[in-house]
Amino acid sequence: MTQKFPKLFLALLSVVFVLNLVQGYFTELIYDEAYYWYYAQNLSWGYFDHPPMVAFLIKMGSLFFDGELGVRFMSCILSVGTYILLWLLIDNPKKKDYVVHFFLLVFSFTLMNAYGFLTLPDTPLLFFTAMFLWLYKRFLKDPSILTTVLLGLVMAALMYSKYHAVLVILFVFLSNVKLIFNPKAWLAVVLALICYIPHFVWLYQNDFVSITFHLYERPNQAYSFEGFTLGYFLNLIVIIGLLFYWVYASFFKFKATDTFSKALVYLAYGIIIFFFISSFNRRVQAQWAIVISIPLAIIAFDHLLENAKSRKWMYRIGLVSVVLLLYARAWLVYKPLFPMLYETHANEGWVEELHAKAKDAPIIFENSYRLAPIYQFNTGIPAISLNNFMYRKNQYSIDDSEEKVRGKKVVYVSKYRKSGDIQYTQPDSTVFYGVFMENFQPYRKLECIVQKPETGIEYTLKVYNPYPFDIPLEELTYTISYSNAYKQVKEMLPLKVGNLYTDRAMLKTKDTALYTFELPLPKTMDNPVYFRIGISEHGLPPGLNGKPIKILE
């Protein structure tokens, strides 16, 4: 063991592992972690926003620990695995003399550091990217059946982690297109696709909801160089941290000398260029390019080993970076260390305040897939997000969360209300009001299907009832929301519909009601580009029952 891993390496690795465990235990969940914890309460082959790996990891961790550490335990394990794989991917024999430099370098990568204990889809993405590269390197030297099978399994695990994984596989393939003539490479691909079949089936059964949302329905905004492209380059710095100058300098100076090092170059440049192009269309989040951390860490450490001047500066700046990151980690737990509020601060406080006033009634949060799981995680009481025309769909839109509150007395909570039966205050001083509602009956899964007129101005509206029960038509109110070219809603109006079957009082289960309507003239918005039909119940803001429809020109 010590031949591959010096004792100092194992000692520092143990320190990092324990540090992440302690951090995971004492740090409150961030909102996205709570959302993925909600995923894990009902394991599936897919979820609205992501493939299922993150939920599977949380479920596994919860078998060992309760609370926050249960959510994060497997992330701590995978983080250790990523360190090990990065070490194995470096061939330079000098590396054993610079173990401390290695840990300073890798620990200084800002987001890789955070994902050492936070459980997000990028956590397994980093680990399986490192494992994929390690197996690919072995495959190039000795494409044995065992290595081929493992490569296929890891490609599937990559894709089960996050859809961005397809870029990792694609750019590595482009670095060595001769693989197209390699039967064992095809065997690995076929095996990966076979393992991915359950998720393909899930996507088909759910009308490819994840793909549709990410590619077509996600709201956007007008291009801004500062917010989009410049913001993307700033994110590339944030990913690396204080060592960004030396890491990128190492990368730009690096010359590929073999097929594997060529793969590292293609992967890093491919991701950087792909999201640079994407930045002209939408805002690119920092974590979307996180996988460049793996090839950049390998290249930067190799440069550090061969360049004494860079080694000296990377060591010094690395020490500063580690101190700052440790301070930031402490601040995540204890807010007074820095005068800035974050998601890990004081969530338990507002949860206790709301729980005390709502008692054990289920909570319906208006448009918040973030607050609902935080509340449920801390109280064990059902809480869901009820999404309306001013928000977006999420996991609560497609699962059975409605049935957990149907027919019950609930508290409907919103930050947009001006009054209510109860109120509570968020840590940022935002006041939320809640109203008690008896016999709550949500119908957000009713589907509104619009057929454009072949001639004239009259549209046809089909309303399909997917529920296993009939719904009184008189309880439904129809609305239309208008949005701009970026699918940002600018106006909502009541919609007058003509029922083609006036003798029907109920919309029967698995049946369709037929209506006709004409587009009402917008009152405040000029030249709307899209419209969307929504259905309102209980006098609440209408849901996202229809898809955005482009207005006929």
Protein backbone atom coordinates (compact mmCIF):
# COMPACT_ATOMS: atom_id res chain seq x y z
CA MET A 1 0.00 0.00 0.00
CA THR A 2 2.75 2.45 0.94
CA GLN A 3 4.45 1.75 -2.40
CA LYS A 4 1.61 3.54 -4.17
CA PHE A 5 0.54 5.74 -1.27
CA PRO A 6 3.19 7.15 1.08
CA LYS A 7 2.35 7.19 4.78
CA LEU A 8 2.14 10.97 4.68
CA PHE A 9 -0.42 10.73 1.86
CA LEU A 10 -2.58 8.33 3.89
CA ALA A 11 -2.26 10.52 6.98
CA LEU A 12 -3.31 13.70 5.16
CA LEU A 13 -6.09 11.81 3.40
CA SER A 14 -7.39 10.71 6.79
CA VAL A 15 -7.29 14.31 8.01
CA VAL A 16 -9.31 15.47 5.00
CA PHE A 17 -11.82 12.64 5.49
CA VAL A 18 -12.35 13.42 9.19
CA LEU A 19 -12.57 17.13 8.45
CA ASN A 20 -15.31 16.48 5.89
CA LEU A 21 -17.19 14.22 8.29
CA VAL A 22 -17.12 16.88 11.02
CA GLN A 23 -18.12 19.56 8.52
CA GLY A 24 -20.95 17.42 7.20
CA TYR A 25 -22.25 16.80 10.71
CA PHE A 26 -22.25 20.39 11.98
CA THR A 27 -23.29 22.26 8.82
CA GLU A 28 -26.99 22.69 8.12
CA LEU A 29 -28.18 21.47 4.72
CA ILE A 30 -28.17 23.91 1.84
CA TYR A 31 -31.45 24.11 -0.05
CA ASP A 32 -30.40 21.92 -2.97
CA GLU A 33 -29.19 19.21 -0.61
CA ALA A 34 -32.56 19.19 1.10
CA TYR A 35 -34.23 18.95 -2.31
CA TYR A 36 -32.10 15.91 -3.18
CA TRP A 37 -32.84 14.45 0.26
CA TYR A 38 -36.48 14.72 -0.77
CA TYR A 39 -35.61 12.77 -3.92
CA ALA A 40 -34.16 10.00 -1.75
CA GLN A 41 -37.38 9.52 0.18
CA ASN A 42 -38.75 7.79 -2.90
CA LEU A 43 -36.00 6.14 -4.92
CA SER A 44 -36.61 6.16 -8.63
CA TRP A 45 -34.68 5.73 -11.86
CA GLY A 46 -35.00 9.44 -12.56
CA TYR A 47 -36.10 12.80 -11.21
CA PHE A 48 -37.30 16.04 -12.74
CA ASP A 49 -33.97 17.87 -12.65
CA HIS A 50 -31.36 15.11 -12.58
CA PRO A 51 -30.61 11.41 -12.95
CA PRO A 52 -30.87 9.37 -9.72
CA MET A 53 -27.28 8.98 -8.48
CA VAL A 54 -27.48 11.80 -5.94
CA ALA A 55 -30.62 10.30 -4.41
CA PHE A 56 -29.03 6.86 -4.29
CA LEU A 57 -26.00 8.22 -2.43
CA ILE A 58 -28.17 10.00 0.12
CA LYS A 59 -30.20 6.86 0.67
CA MET A 60 -27.02 4.85 1.21
CA GLY A 61 -25.59 7.40 3.64
CA SER A 62 -28.85 7.49 5.60
CA LEU A 63 -28.41 3.78 6.33
CA PHE A 64 -25.34 4.68 8.42
CA PHE A 65 -26.23 8.05 9.95
CA ASP A 66 -29.26 10.25 10.63
CA GLY A 67 -29.59 13.95 9.93
CA GLU A 68 -27.13 16.02 7.94
CA LEU A 69 -24.30 13.52 8.14
CA GLY A 70 -26.55 10.83 6.69
CA VAL A 71 -27.16 13.06 3.68
CA ARG A 72 -23.42 13.75 3.27
CA PHE A 73 -21.65 10.59 4.35
CA MET A 74 -21.23 9.12 0.87
CA SER A 75 -19.92 12.47 -0.41
CA CYS A 76 -17.15 12.27 2.17
CA ILE A 77 -16.34 8.77 0.91
CA LEU A 78 -16.34 9.80 -2.75
CA SER A 79 -14.16 12.81 -1.99
CA VAL A 80 -11.49 10.52 -0.54
CA GLY A 81 -11.83 8.35 -3.63
CA THR A 82 -11.28 11.36 -5.89
CA TYR A 83 -8.04 12.25 -4.09
CA ILE A 84 -6.83 8.65 -4.47
CA LEU A 85 -7.68 8.51 -8.17
CA LEU A 86 -6.00 11.83 -8.88
CA TRP A 87 -2.84 10.55 -7.18
CA LEU A 88 -2.93 7.36 -9.24
CA LEU A 89 -3.39 9.35 -12.45
CA ILE A 90 -0.05 11.12 -11.93
CA ASP A 91 2.89 9.06 -13.18
CA ASN A 92 5.73 11.37 -12.25
CA PRO A 93 8.04 9.49 -9.81
CA LYS A 94 8.82 12.78 -8.04
CA LYS A 95 5.30 12.99 -6.66
CA LYS A 96 6.16 11.07 -3.46
CA ASP A 97 8.43 13.93 -2.45
CA TYR A 98 5.65 16.49 -2.77
CA VAL A 99 2.66 14.97 -1.00
CA VAL A 100 1.95 18.16 0.94
CA HIS A 101 2.00 20.16 -2.31
CA PHE A 102 -0.52 17.72 -3.79
CA PHE A 103 -2.98 18.20 -0.95
CA LEU A 104 -2.51 21.96 -0.92
CA LEU A 105 -3.26 22.06 -4.64
CA VAL A 106 -6.33 19.81 -4.66
CA PHE A 107 -7.77 21.17 -1.41
CA SER A 108 -7.48 24.70 -2.84
CA PHE A 109 -9.84 23.94 -5.74
CA THR A 110 -12.84 25.82 -4.39
CA LEU A 111 -15.76 23.78 -5.65
CA MET A 112 -13.96 20.44 -5.39
CA ASN A 113 -13.34 21.37 -1.76
CA ALA A 114 -17.01 22.16 -1.17
CA TYR A 115 -18.15 18.96 -2.84
CA GLY A 116 -15.92 17.09 -0.41
CA PHE A 117 -18.85 17.19 2.00
CA LEU A 118 -21.84 18.72 0.21
CA THR A 119 -24.06 16.19 -1.54
CA LEU A 120 -24.95 17.50 -4.98
CA PRO A 121 -25.00 15.83 -8.42
CA ASP A 122 -21.54 17.26 -9.10
CA THR A 123 -20.08 15.25 -6.20
CA PRO A 124 -20.41 11.85 -7.91
CA LEU A 125 -19.74 13.53 -11.27
CA LEU A 126 -16.25 14.50 -10.07
CA PHE A 127 -15.54 11.08 -8.60
CA PHE A 128 -16.71 9.11 -11.63
CA THR A 129 -14.91 11.49 -14.01
CA ALA A 130 -11.67 10.72 -12.17
CA MET A 131 -12.46 6.99 -12.19
CA PHE A 132 -13.39 7.11 -15.88
CA LEU A 133 -10.04 8.73 -16.73
CA TRP A 134 -8.15 6.22 -14.58
CA LEU A 135 -9.85 3.27 -16.30
CA TYR A 136 -9.41 4.87 -19.72
CA LYS A 137 -5.69 5.18 -19.02
CA ARG A 138 -5.57 1.47 -18.11
CA PHE A 139 -7.64 0.64 -21.18
CA LEU A 140 -5.09 2.36 -23.43
CA LYS A 141 -2.30 0.23 -21.96
CA ASP A 142 -4.17 -3.07 -21.59
CA PRO A 143 -7.75 -3.28 -22.91
CA SER A 144 -8.59 -6.41 -20.94
CA ILE A 145 -12.16 -7.63 -20.58
CA LEU A 146 -12.19 -6.62 -16.91
CA THR A 147 -11.05 -3.08 -17.69
CA THR A 148 -13.53 -2.86 -20.57
CA VAL A 149 -16.43 -3.95 -18.38
CA LEU A 150 -15.45 -1.55 -15.60
CA LEU A 151 -15.13 1.27 -18.13
CA GLY A 152 -18.66 0.61 -19.36
CA LEU A 153 -20.04 0.50 -15.82
CA VAL A 154 -18.32 3.76 -14.89
CA MET A 155 -19.60 5.51 -18.03
CA ALA A 156 -23.10 4.52 -16.94
CA ALA A 157 -22.40 5.78 -13.41
CA LEU A 158 -21.20 9.06 -14.90
CA MET A 159 -24.44 9.46 -16.82
CA TYR A 160 -26.47 8.51 -13.75
CA SER A 161 -24.72 11.35 -11.90
CA LYS A 162 -25.51 14.27 -14.20
CA TYR A 163 -26.42 14.81 -17.85
CA HIS A 164 -23.26 16.91 -18.30
CA ALA A 165 -21.37 13.61 -18.15
CA VAL A 166 -22.04 13.12 -21.84
CA LEU A 167 -19.54 15.93 -22.48
CA VAL A 168 -16.84 14.09 -20.54
CA ILE A 169 -17.31 10.96 -22.62
CA LEU A 170 -17.64 12.89 -25.89
CA PHE A 171 -14.47 14.97 -25.53
CA VAL A 172 -12.37 12.00 -24.45
CA PHE A 173 -13.64 10.13 -27.51
CA LEU A 174 -12.82 13.10 -29.78
CA SER A 175 -9.26 13.01 -28.48
CA ASN A 176 -8.92 9.47 -29.86
CA VAL A 177 -11.37 8.89 -32.71
CA LYS A 178 -9.58 5.64 -33.57
CA LEU A 179 -11.66 4.14 -30.76
CA ILE A 180 -14.45 3.86 -33.30
CA PHE A 181 -12.57 0.91 -34.79
CA ASN A 182 -11.94 -0.73 -31.41
CA PRO A 183 -14.42 -3.59 -30.67
CA LYS A 184 -13.75 -3.43 -26.94
CA ALA A 185 -14.49 0.29 -26.89
CA TRP A 186 -17.84 -0.52 -28.48
CA LEU A 187 -18.39 -3.23 -25.89
CA ALA A 188 -17.89 -0.66 -23.12
CA VAL A 189 -20.34 1.72 -24.80
CA VAL A 190 -22.97 -0.98 -25.31
CA LEU A 191 -22.63 -2.10 -21.69
CA ALA A 192 -23.02 1.52 -20.52
CA LEU A 193 -26.15 1.94 -22.64
CA ILE A 194 -27.63 -1.30 -21.31
CA CYS A 195 -27.02 -0.15 -17.75
CA TYR A 196 -28.66 3.18 -18.61
CA ILE A 197 -31.83 1.60 -20.00
CA PRO A 198 -33.81 2.01 -16.74
CA HIS A 199 -33.29 5.77 -16.93
CA PHE A 200 -34.23 5.86 -20.62
CA VAL A 201 -37.43 4.00 -19.69
CA TRP A 202 -38.11 6.51 -16.90
CA LEU A 203 -37.64 9.41 -19.31
CA TYR A 204 -40.04 7.81 -21.79
CA GLN A 205 -42.65 7.14 -19.09
CA ASN A 206 -42.41 10.77 -17.96
CA ASP A 207 -42.59 12.32 -21.43
CA PHE A 208 -38.87 13.21 -21.37
CA VAL A 209 -39.76 15.89 -18.85
CA SER A 210 -36.13 16.56 -17.82
CA ILE A 211 -34.89 16.99 -21.38
CA THR A 212 -37.88 19.10 -22.37
CA PHE A 213 -37.49 21.43 -19.42
CA HIS A 214 -33.73 21.95 -19.69
CA LEU A 215 -33.75 22.47 -23.46
CA TYR A 216 -37.05 24.24 -24.13
CA GLU A 217 -39.03 25.38 -21.09
CA ARG A 218 -36.42 26.88 -18.76
CA PRO A 219 -36.90 30.68 -18.56
CA ASN A 220 -34.00 32.75 -19.84
CA GLN A 221 -33.21 36.41 -20.20
CA ALA A 222 -31.78 38.83 -22.72
CA TYR A 223 -28.06 38.43 -23.37
CA SER A 224 -25.75 40.49 -21.21
CA PHE A 225 -21.99 40.37 -21.73
CA GLU A 226 -21.34 41.13 -18.06
CA GLY A 227 -23.87 38.63 -16.73
CA PHE A 228 -23.37 35.88 -19.29
CA THR A 229 -19.93 35.74 -20.94
CA LEU A 230 -17.88 37.77 -18.48
CA GLY A 231 -19.72 36.02 -15.67
CA TYR A 232 -18.69 32.68 -17.17
CA PHE A 233 -15.00 33.61 -17.16
CA LEU A 234 -15.33 34.74 -13.54
CA ASN A 235 -16.85 31.35 -12.76
CA LEU A 236 -13.81 29.65 -14.30
CA ILE A 237 -11.73 31.52 -11.72
CA VAL A 238 -14.12 30.68 -8.88
CA ILE A 239 -13.90 26.97 -9.69
CA ILE A 240 -10.14 26.97 -9.11
CA GLY A 241 -9.77 29.58 -6.38
CA LEU A 242 -6.66 31.56 -5.48
CA LEU A 243 -4.39 29.27 -7.49
CA PHE A 244 -6.23 30.02 -10.74
CA TYR A 245 -3.29 31.89 -12.33
CA TRP A 246 -0.80 29.06 -11.83
CA VAL A 247 -3.31 26.32 -12.68
CA TYR A 248 -4.39 27.90 -15.96
CA ALA A 249 -0.81 28.90 -16.78
CA SER A 250 0.20 25.27 -16.32
CA PHE A 251 -2.63 24.18 -18.55
CA PHE A 252 -1.91 26.63 -21.38
CA LYS A 253 1.78 25.64 -21.35
CA PHE A 254 1.02 21.93 -21.26
CA LYS A 255 1.88 19.85 -24.33
CA ALA A 256 0.26 16.46 -24.79
CA THR A 257 2.86 13.73 -25.21
CA ASP A 258 0.64 10.65 -25.47
CA THR A 259 -2.94 9.58 -26.06
CA PHE A 260 -3.98 9.93 -22.43
CA SER A 261 -2.52 13.41 -21.92
CA LYS A 262 -4.26 14.39 -25.16
CA ALA A 263 -7.53 13.27 -23.55
CA LEU A 264 -6.89 15.58 -20.60
CA VAL A 265 -6.34 18.52 -22.95
CA TYR A 266 -9.41 17.76 -25.05
CA LEU A 267 -11.57 17.35 -21.97
CA ALA A 268 -10.54 20.64 -20.39
CA TYR A 269 -10.61 22.68 -23.61
CA GLY A 270 -13.81 20.98 -24.74
CA ILE A 271 -15.71 21.86 -21.57
CA ILE A 272 -14.35 25.41 -21.49
CA ILE A 273 -15.20 26.10 -25.15
CA PHE A 274 -18.61 24.38 -24.99
CA PHE A 275 -19.83 26.51 -22.10
CA PHE A 276 -18.18 29.62 -23.54
CA ILE A 277 -20.41 29.18 -26.59
CA SER A 278 -23.36 28.45 -24.31
CA SER A 279 -22.72 31.72 -22.47
CA PHE A 280 -23.98 33.64 -25.51
CA ASN A 281 -27.37 32.00 -25.04
CA ARG A 282 -27.84 31.71 -21.28
CA ARG A 283 -26.19 32.31 -17.93
CA VAL A 284 -23.73 29.47 -17.21
CA GLN A 285 -23.61 28.34 -13.60
CA ALA A 286 -20.16 27.79 -12.08
CA GLN A 287 -20.70 24.10 -11.35
CA TRP A 288 -21.57 23.28 -14.96
CA ALA A 289 -17.86 23.34 -15.83
CA ILE A 290 -16.73 21.66 -12.61
CA VAL A 291 -15.28 18.58 -14.35
CA ILE A 292 -12.36 20.64 -15.66
CA SER A 293 -11.03 20.44 -12.08
CA ILE A 294 -9.94 16.84 -12.67
CA PRO A 295 -7.69 17.30 -15.75
CA LEU A 296 -6.48 20.70 -14.49
CA ALA A 297 -5.42 19.25 -11.12
CA ILE A 298 -3.43 16.52 -12.88
CA ILE A 299 -1.76 18.94 -15.29
CA ALA A 300 -1.06 21.58 -12.62
CA PHE A 301 0.54 19.09 -10.24
CA ASP A 302 2.73 17.69 -13.00
CA HIS A 303 3.85 21.24 -13.82
CA LEU A 304 4.50 21.90 -10.13
CA LEU A 305 6.80 18.86 -9.95
CA GLU A 306 8.93 20.08 -12.85
CA ASN A 307 9.03 23.82 -12.19
CA ALA A 308 10.68 24.99 -8.97
CA LYS A 309 9.52 28.60 -9.25
CA SER A 310 5.89 27.66 -9.81
CA ARG A 311 6.16 25.06 -7.05
CA LYS A 312 7.30 27.71 -4.58
CA TRP A 313 4.46 30.09 -5.41
CA MET A 314 1.80 27.40 -5.58
CA TYR A 315 2.91 26.19 -2.14
CA ARG A 316 2.69 29.69 -0.65
CA ILE A 317 -0.63 30.61 -2.23
CA GLY A 318 -1.92 27.12 -1.46
CA LEU A 319 -1.29 27.67 2.24
CA VAL A 320 -3.18 30.98 2.13
CA SER A 321 -6.00 29.31 0.21
CA VAL A 322 -6.30 26.48 2.72
CA VAL A 323 -6.47 28.91 5.65
CA LEU A 324 -9.20 30.95 3.93
CA LEU A 325 -11.18 27.88 2.95
CA LEU A 326 -11.00 26.49 6.49
CA TYR A 327 -12.26 29.84 7.76
CA ALA A 328 -15.07 29.75 5.20
CA ARG A 329 -15.97 26.25 6.31
CA ALA A 330 -16.19 27.44 9.92
CA TRP A 331 -18.39 30.35 8.77
CA LEU A 332 -20.80 27.90 7.13
CA VAL A 333 -21.46 26.59 10.65
CA TYR A 334 -21.12 29.81 12.65
CA LYS A 335 -22.42 32.92 10.86
CA PRO A 336 -20.80 35.60 13.12
CA LEU A 337 -17.41 34.74 11.60
CA PHE A 338 -18.41 36.72 8.50
CA PRO A 339 -21.23 39.30 8.08
CA MET A 340 -23.03 37.51 5.29
CA LEU A 341 -26.09 35.26 5.42
CA TYR A 342 -25.94 31.88 3.66
CA GLU A 343 -28.29 28.94 3.21
CA THR A 344 -26.70 27.01 6.08
CA HIS A 345 -27.51 29.71 8.63
CA ALA A 346 -30.56 29.72 10.92
CA ASN A 347 -32.87 27.45 8.94
CA GLU A 348 -33.77 25.54 12.07
CA GLY A 349 -34.98 28.81 13.60
CA TRP A 350 -37.65 29.66 11.02
CA VAL A 351 -38.67 26.02 10.81
CA GLU A 352 -39.32 25.94 14.56
CA GLU A 353 -41.27 29.22 14.40
CA LEU A 354 -43.49 28.02 11.55
CA HIS A 355 -43.98 24.59 13.13
CA ALA A 356 -45.06 26.15 16.42
CA LYS A 357 -47.75 28.17 14.65
CA ALA A 358 -48.88 25.60 12.09
CA LYS A 359 -48.80 22.72 14.60
CA ASP A 360 -48.71 19.44 12.70
CA ALA A 361 -50.62 20.64 9.64
CA PRO A 362 -48.89 19.91 6.29
CA ILE A 363 -47.33 22.99 4.72
CA ILE A 364 -47.93 24.10 1.13
CA PHE A 365 -45.15 26.45 0.08
CA GLU A 366 -45.96 28.64 -2.89
CA ASN A 367 -43.24 28.30 -5.52
CA SER A 368 -40.44 26.94 -3.35
CA TYR A 369 -38.86 23.57 -3.97
CA ARG A 370 -36.14 24.83 -1.62
CA LEU A 371 -38.12 25.66 1.54
CA ALA A 372 -40.47 22.69 1.37
CA PRO A 373 -37.79 19.98 1.78
CA ILE A 374 -35.93 21.98 4.44
CA TYR A 375 -39.11 22.10 6.50
CA GLN A 376 -39.89 18.42 5.99
CA PHE A 377 -36.30 17.39 6.74
CA ASN A 378 -36.31 19.21 10.07
CA THR A 379 -39.85 18.36 11.22
CA GLY A 380 -40.82 15.12 9.50
CA ILE A 381 -44.13 16.77 8.53
CA PRO A 382 -45.20 16.65 4.86
CA ALA A 383 -44.41 19.85 2.99
CA ILE A 384 -44.70 20.42 -0.74
CA SER A 385 -44.11 23.13 -3.30
CA LEU A 386 -47.23 24.15 -5.22
CA ASN A 387 -45.90 25.70 -8.41
CA ASN A 388 -47.77 28.37 -10.33
CA PHE A 389 -47.47 30.37 -13.55
CA MET A 390 -44.79 32.67 -12.13
CA TYR A 391 -42.40 29.82 -11.30
CA ARG A 392 -41.16 26.63 -12.92
CA LYS A 393 -41.90 22.93 -12.69
CA ASN A 394 -39.81 20.69 -10.45
CA GLN A 395 -39.96 17.28 -8.78
CA TYR A 396 -43.11 18.27 -6.88
CA SER A 397 -44.83 18.71 -10.26
CA ILE A 398 -44.46 15.07 -11.29
CA ASP A 399 -44.43 12.95 -8.13
CA ASP A 400 -47.22 11.99 -5.71
CA SER A 401 -46.66 14.89 -3.32
CA GLU A 402 -50.18 16.23 -3.95
CA GLU A 403 -51.68 13.05 -2.54
CA LYS A 404 -49.90 13.54 0.79
CA VAL A 405 -51.93 16.69 1.41
CA ARG A 406 -55.15 15.97 -0.49
CA GLY A 407 -58.28 16.36 1.59
CA LYS A 408 -56.33 17.57 4.63
CA LYS A 409 -56.28 20.78 6.55
CA VAL A 410 -53.10 22.54 5.38
CA VAL A 411 -51.28 25.82 5.77
CA TYR A 412 -50.67 27.62 2.48
CA VAL A 413 -47.53 29.74 2.89
CA SER A 414 -46.40 32.52 0.58
CA LYS A 415 -44.03 35.47 0.68
CA TYR A 416 -46.31 37.31 -1.76
CA ARG A 417 -49.31 37.51 0.58
CA LYS A 418 -49.84 40.70 2.59
CA SER A 419 -51.73 39.04 5.45
CA GLY A 420 -52.76 35.64 6.75
CA ASP A 421 -53.75 33.50 9.71
CA ILE A 422 -50.11 33.14 10.75
CA GLN A 423 -46.79 34.70 9.84
CA TYR A 424 -43.12 33.92 10.31
CA THR A 425 -39.84 35.52 9.34
CA GLN A 426 -37.05 34.08 7.24
CA PRO A 427 -33.40 34.67 8.27
CA ASP A 428 -33.14 37.40 5.59
CA SER A 429 -36.06 39.23 7.29
CA THR A 430 -38.58 38.31 4.59
CA VAL A 431 -42.02 37.87 6.15
CA PHE A 432 -44.10 34.90 5.01
CA TYR A 433 -47.84 34.68 5.63
CA GLY A 434 -49.81 31.48 5.89
CA VAL A 435 -53.53 30.72 5.68
CA PHE A 436 -55.26 27.57 6.90
CA MET A 437 -57.23 25.75 4.20
CA GLU A 438 -59.66 22.91 4.83
CA ASN A 439 -60.06 19.90 2.52
CA PHE A 440 -57.24 20.97 0.24
CA GLN A 441 -57.69 19.64 -3.32
CA PRO A 442 -54.82 20.43 -5.71
CA TYR A 443 -55.20 19.71 -9.44
CA ARG A 444 -51.81 20.80 -10.77
CA LYS A 445 -51.40 17.63 -12.86
CA LEU A 446 -54.35 18.42 -15.11
CA GLU A 447 -52.91 18.70 -18.60
CA CYS A 448 -53.90 21.53 -20.93
CA ILE A 449 -53.24 20.63 -24.57
CA VAL A 450 -53.67 23.45 -27.08
CA GLN A 451 -54.38 22.95 -30.78
CA LYS A 452 -53.72 25.96 -32.98
CA PRO A 453 -56.41 26.95 -35.45
CA GLU A 454 -55.87 25.99 -39.07
CA THR A 455 -58.03 28.94 -40.02
CA GLY A 456 -59.56 31.72 -37.98
CA ILE A 457 -58.64 32.72 -34.43
CA GLU A 458 -60.35 30.05 -32.33
CA TYR A 459 -58.07 27.61 -30.51
CA THR A 460 -59.05 24.19 -29.21
CA LEU A 461 -58.21 23.28 -25.62
CA LYS A 462 -58.11 19.70 -24.35
CA VAL A 463 -58.02 19.23 -20.59
CA TYR A 464 -56.92 15.72 -19.62
CA ASN A 465 -57.52 14.30 -16.15
CA PRO A 466 -54.69 11.92 -15.15
CA TYR A 467 -56.03 11.46 -11.61
CA PRO A 468 -57.76 8.23 -10.47
CA PHE A 469 -60.89 10.22 -9.52
CA ASP A 470 -63.41 12.55 -11.16
CA ILE A 471 -63.08 16.32 -10.81
CA PRO A 472 -66.00 18.79 -10.66
CA LEU A 473 -65.61 21.15 -13.60
CA GLU A 474 -67.11 24.00 -11.62
CA GLU A 475 -64.06 23.99 -9.33
CA LEU A 476 -61.74 24.89 -12.20
CA THR A 477 -60.94 28.39 -13.38
CA TYR A 478 -58.86 28.99 -16.51
CA THR A 479 -56.21 31.62 -17.07
CA ILE A 480 -53.71 32.59 -19.73
CA SER A 481 -50.26 33.98 -19.07
CA TYR A 482 -48.25 35.87 -21.67
CA SER A 483 -44.46 35.80 -21.78
CA ASN A 484 -41.66 37.30 -23.83
CA ALA A 485 -39.16 35.57 -26.10
CA TYR A 486 -37.24 34.38 -23.03
CA LYS A 487 -40.36 32.75 -21.54
CA GLN A 488 -40.50 35.32 -18.74
CA VAL A 489 -44.13 35.81 -17.71
CA LYS A 490 -45.21 39.43 -18.01
CA GLU A 491 -49.00 39.27 -17.72
CA MET A 492 -51.75 36.90 -16.60
CA LEU A 493 -55.43 37.21 -17.56
CA PRO A 494 -58.59 35.19 -16.94
CA LEU A 495 -59.44 33.01 -19.91
CA LYS A 496 -62.99 32.58 -21.13
CA VAL A 497 -63.44 29.08 -22.54
CA GLY A 498 -66.39 27.55 -24.37
CA ASN A 499 -67.29 24.03 -23.24
CA LEU A 500 -68.08 21.79 -26.21
CA TYR A 501 -69.94 19.38 -23.90
CA THR A 502 -72.15 21.60 -21.76
CA ASP A 503 -74.03 18.67 -20.25
CA ARG A 504 -70.96 17.44 -18.35
CA ALA A 505 -70.52 18.42 -14.69
CA MET A 506 -67.53 16.19 -14.01
CA LEU A 507 -64.21 15.61 -15.70
CA LYS A 508 -63.98 11.85 -15.31
CA THR A 509 -60.78 10.03 -14.53
CA LYS A 510 -58.53 9.43 -17.55
CA ASP A 511 -60.97 11.47 -19.66
CA THR A 512 -60.67 14.71 -21.61
CA ALA A 513 -62.79 17.85 -21.62
CA LEU A 514 -62.92 19.90 -24.83
CA TYR A 515 -63.07 23.68 -24.95
CA THR A 516 -62.57 26.48 -27.44
CA PHE A 517 -61.10 29.89 -26.72
CA GLU A 518 -59.76 33.01 -28.32
CA LEU A 519 -56.63 34.79 -27.15
CA PRO A 520 -57.63 37.81 -25.03
CA LEU A 521 -55.85 41.05 -25.80
CA PRO A 522 -53.00 41.77 -23.36
CA LYS A 523 -53.63 44.86 -21.27
CA THR A 524 -50.12 45.78 -20.25
CA MET A 525 -47.73 43.73 -22.42
CA ASP A 526 -46.77 44.61 -25.96
CA ASN A 527 -46.13 41.87 -28.51
CA PRO A 528 -46.15 38.73 -26.33
CA VAL A 529 -44.29 35.78 -27.88
CA TYR A 530 -45.62 32.83 -25.86
CA PHE A 531 -48.79 32.02 -24.00
CA ARG A 532 -49.54 29.30 -21.47
CA ILE A 533 -52.83 27.98 -20.14
CA GLY A 534 -53.20 27.46 -16.41
CA ILE A 535 -55.88 26.10 -14.11
CA SER A 536 -56.66 27.61 -10.75
CA GLU A 537 -58.25 25.89 -7.76
CA HIS A 538 -59.22 27.32 -4.34
CA GLY A 539 -58.75 30.80 -5.78
CA LEU A 540 -54.97 30.29 -5.84
CA PRO A 541 -52.64 31.49 -8.60
CA PRO A 542 -52.95 29.13 -11.60
CA GLY A 543 -50.63 26.23 -12.20
CA LEU A 544 -48.32 25.25 -15.05
CA ASN A 545 -50.86 22.95 -16.66
CA GLY A 546 -49.96 23.73 -20.26
CA LYS A 547 -46.75 24.11 -22.19
CA PRO A 548 -45.53 27.47 -23.54
CA ILE A 549 -47.14 27.95 -26.95
CA LYS A 550 -45.69 30.32 -29.52
CA ILE A 551 -48.28 32.84 -30.67
CA LEU A 552 -49.25 32.67 -34.33
CA GLU A 553 -47.76 35.50 -36.33
